[in-house]
Amino acid sequence: MSGPRAPAQREHGPLPFDLPRVTAAQRRRAAELLVALEEHYADAHCELDYRNPHELLVATILSAQATDVGVNKATPALFKAFPTPADYAASSPEQIETYIRSIGLFRNKAKAIHAAMKDIVEKFGGRVPRTMDELLTLRGVARKTANVVLGNAFGINDGFVVDTHVERLAKRFGLVPADATVAMVERHLMALFPRERWCDVSHMLIWHGRRVCKARLPTCADHPVCRRFGTSCELRVSAKSIRTKHDRRPGSAAKPAKGR
């Protein structure tokens, strides 16, 4: 069972960086994409199981280079053994490792979780901080993890979650340049979509990427969202290039219809 919906939040402060300029036409297209995504993924949400902010933080740290399904199998026993940040802080990475051995990079993740929870206890009064700057001081937390926690636990949109699915779809849908870095992808998406929807849109893109527009063997050829917006999909561009090369071969010109 996934975590509770984040409460409505209006604590959005000024951004620490400028967003790229986008045209009115680009914003209209993004708005049309949002409508199309909502038709299929209106109930999209974070698929990590959690009951409170610190459980979401732990689960998100564990999810790096791992599946949500795998994380959700490991966390019930972990959360039972360490019900509060103080319980993690009073333990050791080796004790935490016992519960997460099924997850990749478990040793490094155990160290990150222990250090992050210790800081939460010692520096933040046992509560997960509610600002980007403070979250980024915790071990194992980069912008993606911080955005997941802020958006889902607190309803605060300070950035846009960019995981492998969001990055792939943003490029296939032509929302960002094909050579955009993860940081550039985030800023373009922040510029294109309304701030209050950043968390929602990331969930919808992730669901579409997991269920339909996959990296390998995608099943999106006939999906209406991909048909309409996947103009920059590398698979579509590659197929078009192959057809063009074939058409240019000697003798490949279409034969005239009979009777003409």
Protein backbone atom coordinates (compact mmCIF):
# COMPACT_ATOMS: atom_id res chain seq x y z
CA MET A 1 0.00 0.00 0.00
CA SER A 2 1.48 3.33 -1.03
CA GLY A 3 1.84 6.29 1.25
CA PRO A 4 -0.75 8.94 2.06
CA ARG A 5 -1.44 11.73 -0.35
CA ALA A 6 0.51 14.86 0.48
CA PRO A 7 -1.55 17.71 1.92
CA ALA A 8 -2.18 20.79 -0.18
CA GLN A 9 0.77 23.07 0.31
CA ARG A 10 1.52 26.70 -0.46
CA GLU A 11 5.02 27.00 0.95
CA HIS A 12 6.64 27.31 -2.47
CA GLY A 13 9.52 29.73 -2.09
CA PRO A 14 11.59 31.41 -4.80
CA LEU A 15 13.74 29.14 -6.93
CA PRO A 16 17.52 29.36 -6.50
CA PHE A 17 18.12 29.37 -10.24
CA ASP A 18 16.60 30.79 -13.41
CA LEU A 19 14.46 28.54 -15.59
CA PRO A 20 15.04 28.32 -19.34
CA ARG A 21 12.82 30.40 -21.57
CA VAL A 22 10.04 28.48 -23.29
CA THR A 23 7.61 29.71 -25.91
CA ALA A 24 3.87 30.01 -25.57
CA ALA A 25 3.54 27.22 -28.15
CA GLN A 26 5.75 24.93 -26.05
CA ARG A 27 3.66 25.62 -22.97
CA ARG A 28 0.44 24.92 -24.90
CA ARG A 29 1.84 21.61 -26.10
CA ALA A 30 2.88 20.73 -22.54
CA ALA A 31 -0.63 21.60 -21.33
CA GLU A 32 -2.11 19.35 -24.02
CA LEU A 33 0.23 16.54 -22.96
CA LEU A 34 -0.87 16.97 -19.35
CA VAL A 35 -4.52 16.63 -20.36
CA ALA A 36 -3.69 13.48 -22.35
CA LEU A 37 -1.74 11.96 -19.46
CA GLU A 38 -4.58 12.69 -17.05
CA GLU A 39 -6.96 10.73 -19.26
CA HIS A 40 -4.89 7.61 -18.62
CA TYR A 41 -3.11 8.20 -15.29
CA ALA A 42 -5.35 10.44 -13.19
CA ASP A 43 -4.68 8.24 -10.15
CA ALA A 44 -0.90 8.14 -10.58
CA HIS A 45 0.96 8.34 -7.28
CA CYS A 46 4.22 7.39 -5.61
CA GLU A 47 4.47 3.60 -5.66
CA LEU A 48 6.83 3.33 -2.72
CA ASP A 49 5.10 2.16 0.46
CA TYR A 50 5.44 4.51 3.44
CA ARG A 51 3.45 5.95 6.31
CA ASN A 52 5.38 9.09 7.19
CA PRO A 53 8.14 11.36 5.84
CA HIS A 54 11.11 9.48 7.28
CA GLU A 55 9.86 6.16 5.86
CA LEU A 56 9.51 7.79 2.45
CA LEU A 57 13.03 9.18 2.72
CA VAL A 58 14.44 5.76 3.58
CA ALA A 59 12.48 4.06 0.80
CA THR A 60 13.61 6.64 -1.74
CA ILE A 61 17.26 6.21 -0.78
CA LEU A 62 16.81 2.46 -1.21
CA SER A 63 15.13 2.90 -4.60
CA ALA A 64 18.28 4.17 -6.33
CA GLN A 65 19.14 1.63 -9.05
CA ALA A 66 16.42 -0.65 -7.66
CA THR A 67 12.75 -1.22 -8.37
CA ASP A 68 9.93 0.05 -6.19
CA VAL A 69 8.63 -3.53 -6.04
CA GLY A 70 11.93 -4.76 -4.62
CA VAL A 71 12.08 -1.91 -2.12
CA ASN A 72 8.51 -2.53 -0.99
CA LYS A 73 9.35 -6.17 -0.26
CA ALA A 74 12.21 -5.17 2.03
CA THR A 75 10.80 -2.19 3.89
CA PRO A 76 8.05 -3.76 6.06
CA ALA A 77 10.59 -5.62 8.22
CA LEU A 78 12.97 -2.64 8.12
CA PHE A 79 10.30 -0.17 9.21
CA LYS A 80 9.16 -2.52 11.99
CA ALA A 81 12.71 -2.87 13.33
CA PHE A 82 13.38 0.90 13.14
CA PRO A 83 10.10 2.76 13.71
CA THR A 84 11.66 6.20 14.24
CA PRO A 85 14.69 8.16 13.03
CA ALA A 86 16.14 7.79 16.54
CA ASP A 87 16.04 4.00 16.20
CA TYR A 88 18.12 4.17 13.03
CA ALA A 89 20.53 6.64 14.62
CA ALA A 90 21.01 4.38 17.66
CA SER A 91 21.80 1.37 15.47
CA SER A 92 24.65 0.84 13.01
CA PRO A 93 24.95 0.42 9.24
CA GLU A 94 25.65 -3.28 9.81
CA GLN A 95 22.37 -3.72 11.69
CA ILE A 96 20.46 -1.92 8.93
CA GLU A 97 22.16 -4.07 6.27
CA THR A 98 20.46 -7.16 7.69
CA TYR A 99 17.09 -5.95 6.42
CA ILE A 100 18.07 -4.68 2.97
CA ARG A 101 20.42 -7.35 1.59
CA SER A 102 17.97 -8.07 -1.23
CA ILE A 103 18.49 -4.56 -2.60
CA GLY A 104 21.43 -3.55 -4.78
CA LEU A 105 24.23 -1.52 -3.19
CA PHE A 106 22.80 -2.37 0.22
CA ARG A 107 26.01 -1.66 2.12
CA ASN A 108 26.35 1.90 0.82
CA LYS A 109 22.63 2.48 1.27
CA ALA A 110 22.76 1.25 4.87
CA LYS A 111 25.56 3.75 5.58
CA ALA A 112 23.58 6.55 3.91
CA ILE A 113 20.39 5.76 5.84
CA HIS A 114 22.22 5.58 9.16
CA ALA A 115 24.06 8.87 8.57
CA ALA A 116 20.93 10.65 7.30
CA MET A 117 18.81 9.54 10.24
CA LYS A 118 21.57 10.50 12.69
CA ASP A 119 21.63 14.01 11.23
CA ILE A 120 17.84 14.22 11.34
CA VAL A 121 17.96 13.40 15.05
CA GLU A 122 20.93 15.61 15.92
CA LYS A 123 20.36 18.59 13.62
CA PHE A 124 16.63 18.63 12.87
CA GLY A 125 14.99 17.53 16.10
CA GLY A 126 14.05 14.10 14.80
CA ARG A 127 11.93 15.45 11.95
CA VAL A 128 12.63 15.21 8.24
CA PRO A 129 13.47 18.74 7.04
CA ARG A 130 10.99 20.46 4.76
CA THR A 131 13.38 22.47 2.59
CA MET A 132 15.51 21.53 -0.39
CA ASP A 133 18.69 23.02 1.06
CA GLU A 134 18.35 21.11 4.33
CA LEU A 135 17.48 17.81 2.67
CA LEU A 136 20.51 18.08 0.42
CA THR A 137 22.77 18.12 3.48
CA LEU A 138 21.73 14.54 4.29
CA ARG A 139 23.87 11.67 3.09
CA GLY A 140 22.34 9.77 0.17
CA VAL A 141 20.05 12.66 -0.77
CA ALA A 142 20.33 14.43 -4.13
CA ARG A 143 17.71 16.56 -5.88
CA LYS A 144 15.64 13.63 -7.11
CA THR A 145 15.27 12.15 -3.62
CA ALA A 146 14.62 15.56 -2.10
CA ASN A 147 11.93 16.28 -4.71
CA VAL A 148 10.23 12.94 -4.00
CA VAL A 149 10.11 13.65 -0.26
CA LEU A 150 9.06 17.30 -0.55
CA GLY A 151 6.37 16.65 -3.15
CA ASN A 152 4.85 13.50 -1.68
CA ALA A 153 5.32 13.89 2.07
CA PHE A 154 4.79 17.65 2.32
CA GLY A 155 3.08 18.78 -0.89
CA ILE A 156 5.94 21.19 -1.60
CA ASN A 157 6.97 21.64 -5.23
CA ASP A 158 10.54 22.94 -5.17
CA GLY A 159 11.61 20.91 -8.18
CA PHE A 160 10.62 18.19 -10.63
CA VAL A 161 11.42 14.53 -10.01
CA VAL A 162 13.59 13.30 -12.87
CA ASP A 163 14.23 9.56 -12.80
CA THR A 164 15.18 7.39 -15.76
CA HIS A 165 11.56 7.23 -16.97
CA VAL A 166 10.98 10.98 -16.80
CA GLU A 167 14.25 11.70 -18.57
CA ARG A 168 13.45 9.21 -21.35
CA LEU A 169 9.91 10.46 -21.92
CA ALA A 170 10.86 14.12 -21.76
CA LYS A 171 13.23 13.51 -24.66
CA ARG A 172 10.90 11.22 -26.62
CA PHE A 173 8.11 13.76 -26.30
CA GLY A 174 10.38 16.57 -27.46
CA LEU A 175 9.96 18.51 -24.22
CA VAL A 176 13.72 18.94 -23.80
CA PRO A 177 16.76 18.85 -26.09
CA ALA A 178 17.94 15.35 -26.94
CA ASP A 179 21.32 15.99 -25.32
CA ALA A 180 19.93 17.59 -22.15
CA THR A 181 21.53 16.61 -18.86
CA VAL A 182 19.34 15.53 -15.93
CA ALA A 183 19.64 19.03 -14.46
CA MET A 184 18.60 20.57 -17.78
CA VAL A 185 15.66 18.17 -18.08
CA GLU A 186 14.40 19.18 -14.64
CA ARG A 187 14.61 22.89 -15.36
CA HIS A 188 12.88 22.59 -18.74
CA LEU A 189 10.02 20.60 -17.21
CA MET A 190 9.72 23.14 -14.39
CA ALA A 191 9.43 25.88 -17.01
CA LEU A 192 6.84 24.02 -19.08
CA PHE A 193 4.38 22.84 -16.43
CA PRO A 194 2.55 24.76 -13.66
CA ARG A 195 4.46 24.63 -10.41
CA GLU A 196 1.56 23.21 -8.43
CA ARG A 197 1.48 20.21 -10.80
CA TRP A 198 5.18 19.30 -10.86
CA CYS A 199 4.80 16.33 -8.51
CA ASP A 200 1.63 15.11 -10.25
CA VAL A 201 3.15 15.30 -13.73
CA SER A 202 6.23 13.39 -12.62
CA HIS A 203 4.03 10.56 -11.34
CA MET A 204 2.08 10.39 -14.60
CA LEU A 205 5.24 10.32 -16.69
CA ILE A 206 6.72 7.61 -14.48
CA TRP A 207 3.58 5.48 -14.75
CA HIS A 208 3.53 5.85 -18.53
CA GLY A 209 7.22 4.97 -18.70
CA ARG A 210 6.82 1.88 -16.53
CA ARG A 211 3.69 0.58 -18.14
CA VAL A 212 3.89 1.60 -21.80
CA CYS A 213 6.80 3.67 -23.10
CA LYS A 214 9.60 1.45 -21.81
CA ALA A 215 13.29 1.78 -22.59
CA ARG A 216 13.42 -1.69 -24.15
CA LEU A 217 10.65 -3.37 -26.07
CA PRO A 218 8.18 -0.49 -25.63
CA THR A 219 4.50 -1.24 -26.17
CA CYS A 220 3.59 2.29 -27.12
CA ALA A 221 3.34 2.17 -30.92
CA ASP A 222 -0.45 2.38 -30.80
CA HIS A 223 -0.83 4.31 -27.55
CA PRO A 224 -2.60 7.65 -28.17
CA VAL A 225 -0.18 9.63 -25.98
CA CYS A 226 2.87 8.30 -27.81
CA ARG A 227 1.27 8.59 -31.24
CA ARG A 228 0.50 12.25 -30.67
CA PHE A 229 3.47 13.46 -28.65
CA GLY A 230 6.30 11.00 -29.31
CA THR A 231 7.61 12.98 -32.25
CA SER A 232 11.21 12.86 -31.01
CA CYS A 233 11.22 9.20 -29.93
CA GLU A 234 14.52 7.68 -31.02
CA LEU A 235 12.69 4.54 -32.14
CA ARG A 236 10.38 6.50 -34.39
CA VAL A 237 13.22 8.65 -35.74
CA SER A 238 15.32 5.54 -36.39
CA ALA A 239 12.48 3.80 -38.22
CA LYS A 240 11.86 6.90 -40.33
CA SER A 241 15.57 7.10 -41.18
CA ILE A 242 15.60 3.47 -42.30
CA ARG A 243 12.56 4.02 -44.52
CA THR A 244 14.14 7.15 -46.02
CA LYS A 245 17.35 5.30 -46.84
CA HIS A 246 15.36 2.48 -48.41
CA ASP A 247 13.37 4.93 -50.56
CA ARG A 248 16.61 6.47 -51.83
CA ARG A 249 18.09 3.20 -53.06
CA PRO A 250 18.33 2.73 -56.84
CA GLY A 251 15.18 1.14 -58.17
CA SER A 252 13.25 1.71 -54.95
CA ALA A 253 10.98 4.38 -56.41
CA ALA A 254 7.33 3.48 -56.26
CA LYS A 255 6.06 1.85 -59.43
CA PRO A 256 3.36 3.80 -61.28
CA ALA A 257 -0.13 2.49 -60.93
CA LYS A 258 -1.45 0.38 -63.76
CA GLY A 259 -3.46 2.23 -66.41
CA ARG A 260 -1.48 5.46 -65.98
